[in-house]
C-alpha atoms as a PDB file:
ATOM      1  CA  MET A   1      11.842  -8.907   8.682  1.00  0.00           C
ATOM      2  CA  GLU A   2      14.527  -8.683   6.079  1.00  0.00           C
ATOM      3  CA  LEU A   3      14.914  -5.414   4.209  1.00  0.00           C
ATOM      4  CA  GLN A   4      15.216  -7.312   0.928  1.00  0.00           C
ATOM      5  CA  ILE A   5      11.670  -8.614   1.361  1.00  0.00           C
ATOM      6  CA  ILE A   6      10.348  -5.089   1.913  1.00  0.00           C
ATOM      7  CA  HIS A   7      12.469  -3.685  -0.901  1.00  0.00           C
ATOM      8  CA  SER A   8      11.072  -6.265  -3.330  1.00  0.00           C
ATOM      9  CA  LYS A   9       7.534  -5.002  -2.572  1.00  0.00           C
ATOM     10  CA  ILE A  10       8.320  -1.402  -3.565  1.00  0.00           C
ATOM     11  CA  HIS A  11       7.227  -0.416  -7.075  1.00  0.00           C
ATOM     12  CA  ILE A  12       7.534   2.810  -9.038  1.00  0.00           C
ATOM     13  CA  VAL A  13       4.119   4.142 -10.115  1.00  0.00           C
ATOM     14  CA  ARG A  14       3.651   7.641 -11.526  1.00  0.00           C
ATOM     15  CA  GLY A  15       7.211   8.409 -10.509  1.00  0.00           C
ATOM     16  CA  GLU A  16       6.533   7.584  -6.838  1.00  0.00           C
ATOM     17  CA  ARG A  17       7.682   4.648  -4.748  1.00  0.00           C
ATOM     18  CA  VAL A  18       4.632   2.679  -3.607  1.00  0.00           C
ATOM     19  CA  ILE A  19       3.735  -0.564  -1.883  1.00  0.00           C
ATOM     20  CA  LEU A  20       0.515  -2.129  -3.152  1.00  0.00           C
ATOM     21  CA  ASP A  21      -2.256  -2.784  -0.656  1.00  0.00           C
ATOM     22  CA  PHE A  22      -2.032  -6.564  -0.854  1.00  0.00           C
ATOM     23  CA  ASP A  23       1.748  -6.468  -0.384  1.00  0.00           C
ATOM     24  CA  LEU A  24       1.395  -4.153   2.622  1.00  0.00           C
ATOM     25  CA  ALA A  25      -1.281  -6.418   4.096  1.00  0.00           C
ATOM     26  CA  THR A  26       1.061  -9.386   3.678  1.00  0.00           C
ATOM     27  CA  LEU A  27       3.882  -7.530   5.432  1.00  0.00           C
ATOM     28  CA  TYR A  28       1.563  -6.752   8.369  1.00  0.00           C
ATOM     29  CA  ASP A  29       0.070 -10.253   8.280  1.00  0.00           C
ATOM     30  CA  VAL A  30      -3.529  -9.059   7.881  1.00  0.00           C
ATOM     31  CA  GLU A  31      -6.142  -9.444   5.158  1.00  0.00           C
ATOM     32  CA  THR A  32      -6.214  -6.745   2.496  1.00  0.00           C
ATOM     33  CA  ARG A  33      -9.830  -6.044   3.442  1.00  0.00           C
ATOM     34  CA  THR A  34      -8.811  -5.417   7.064  1.00  0.00           C
ATOM     35  CA  LEU A  35      -6.000  -3.078   6.007  1.00  0.00           C
ATOM     36  CA  LYS A  36      -8.370  -1.059   3.800  1.00  0.00           C
ATOM     37  CA  GLN A  37     -10.942  -0.800   6.620  1.00  0.00           C
ATOM     38  CA  SER A  38      -8.267   0.535   8.966  1.00  0.00           C
ATOM     39  CA  VAL A  39      -7.178   3.110   6.408  1.00  0.00           C
ATOM     40  CA  GLN A  40     -10.778   4.243   5.853  1.00  0.00           C
ATOM     41  CA  ARG A  41     -11.348   4.628   9.607  1.00  0.00           C
ATOM     42  CA  ASN A  42      -8.182   6.712   9.967  1.00  0.00           C
ATOM     43  CA  THR A  43      -8.170   8.895   6.850  1.00  0.00           C
ATOM     44  CA  GLY A  44      -7.878  12.039   8.977  1.00  0.00           C
ATOM     45  CA  ARG A  45      -4.577  10.815  10.403  1.00  0.00           C
ATOM     46  CA  LEU A  46      -3.018  10.001   7.039  1.00  0.00           C
ATOM     47  CA  PRO A  47      -1.406  12.405   4.551  1.00  0.00           C
ATOM     48  CA  ASP A  48      -3.458  13.316   1.469  1.00  0.00           C
ATOM     49  CA  ASP A  49      -1.042  11.471  -0.800  1.00  0.00           C
ATOM     50  CA  PHE A  50      -1.042   8.299   1.308  1.00  0.00           C
ATOM     51  CA  MET A  51      -3.060   6.291  -1.210  1.00  0.00           C
ATOM     52  CA  PHE A  52      -4.498   6.382  -4.707  1.00  0.00           C
ATOM     53  CA  GLU A  53      -6.180   3.959  -7.061  1.00  0.00           C
ATOM     54  CA  LEU A  54      -4.425   2.532 -10.089  1.00  0.00           C
ATOM     55  CA  SER A  55      -5.949   3.018 -13.507  1.00  0.00           C
ATOM     56  CA  GLU A  56      -6.749   0.007 -15.690  1.00  0.00           C
ATOM     57  CA  ALA A  57      -3.604   0.656 -17.748  1.00  0.00           C
ATOM     58  CA  GLU A  58      -1.428   0.750 -14.615  1.00  0.00           C
ATOM     59  CA  ILE A  59      -2.826  -2.539 -13.336  1.00  0.00           C
END
């Protein structure tokens, strides 16, 4: 996969570089729902700052 494709999916939110769930799911070629289920099943393995929800204004 080209780095430019990945780089184009990185956004700055709250001063942090993030990849949105649907973009990450696309990169891994899975449904967003499947990605979220995997994250929920493995929350103990992920850092505390791994994910957060966007506010209405940020969307």
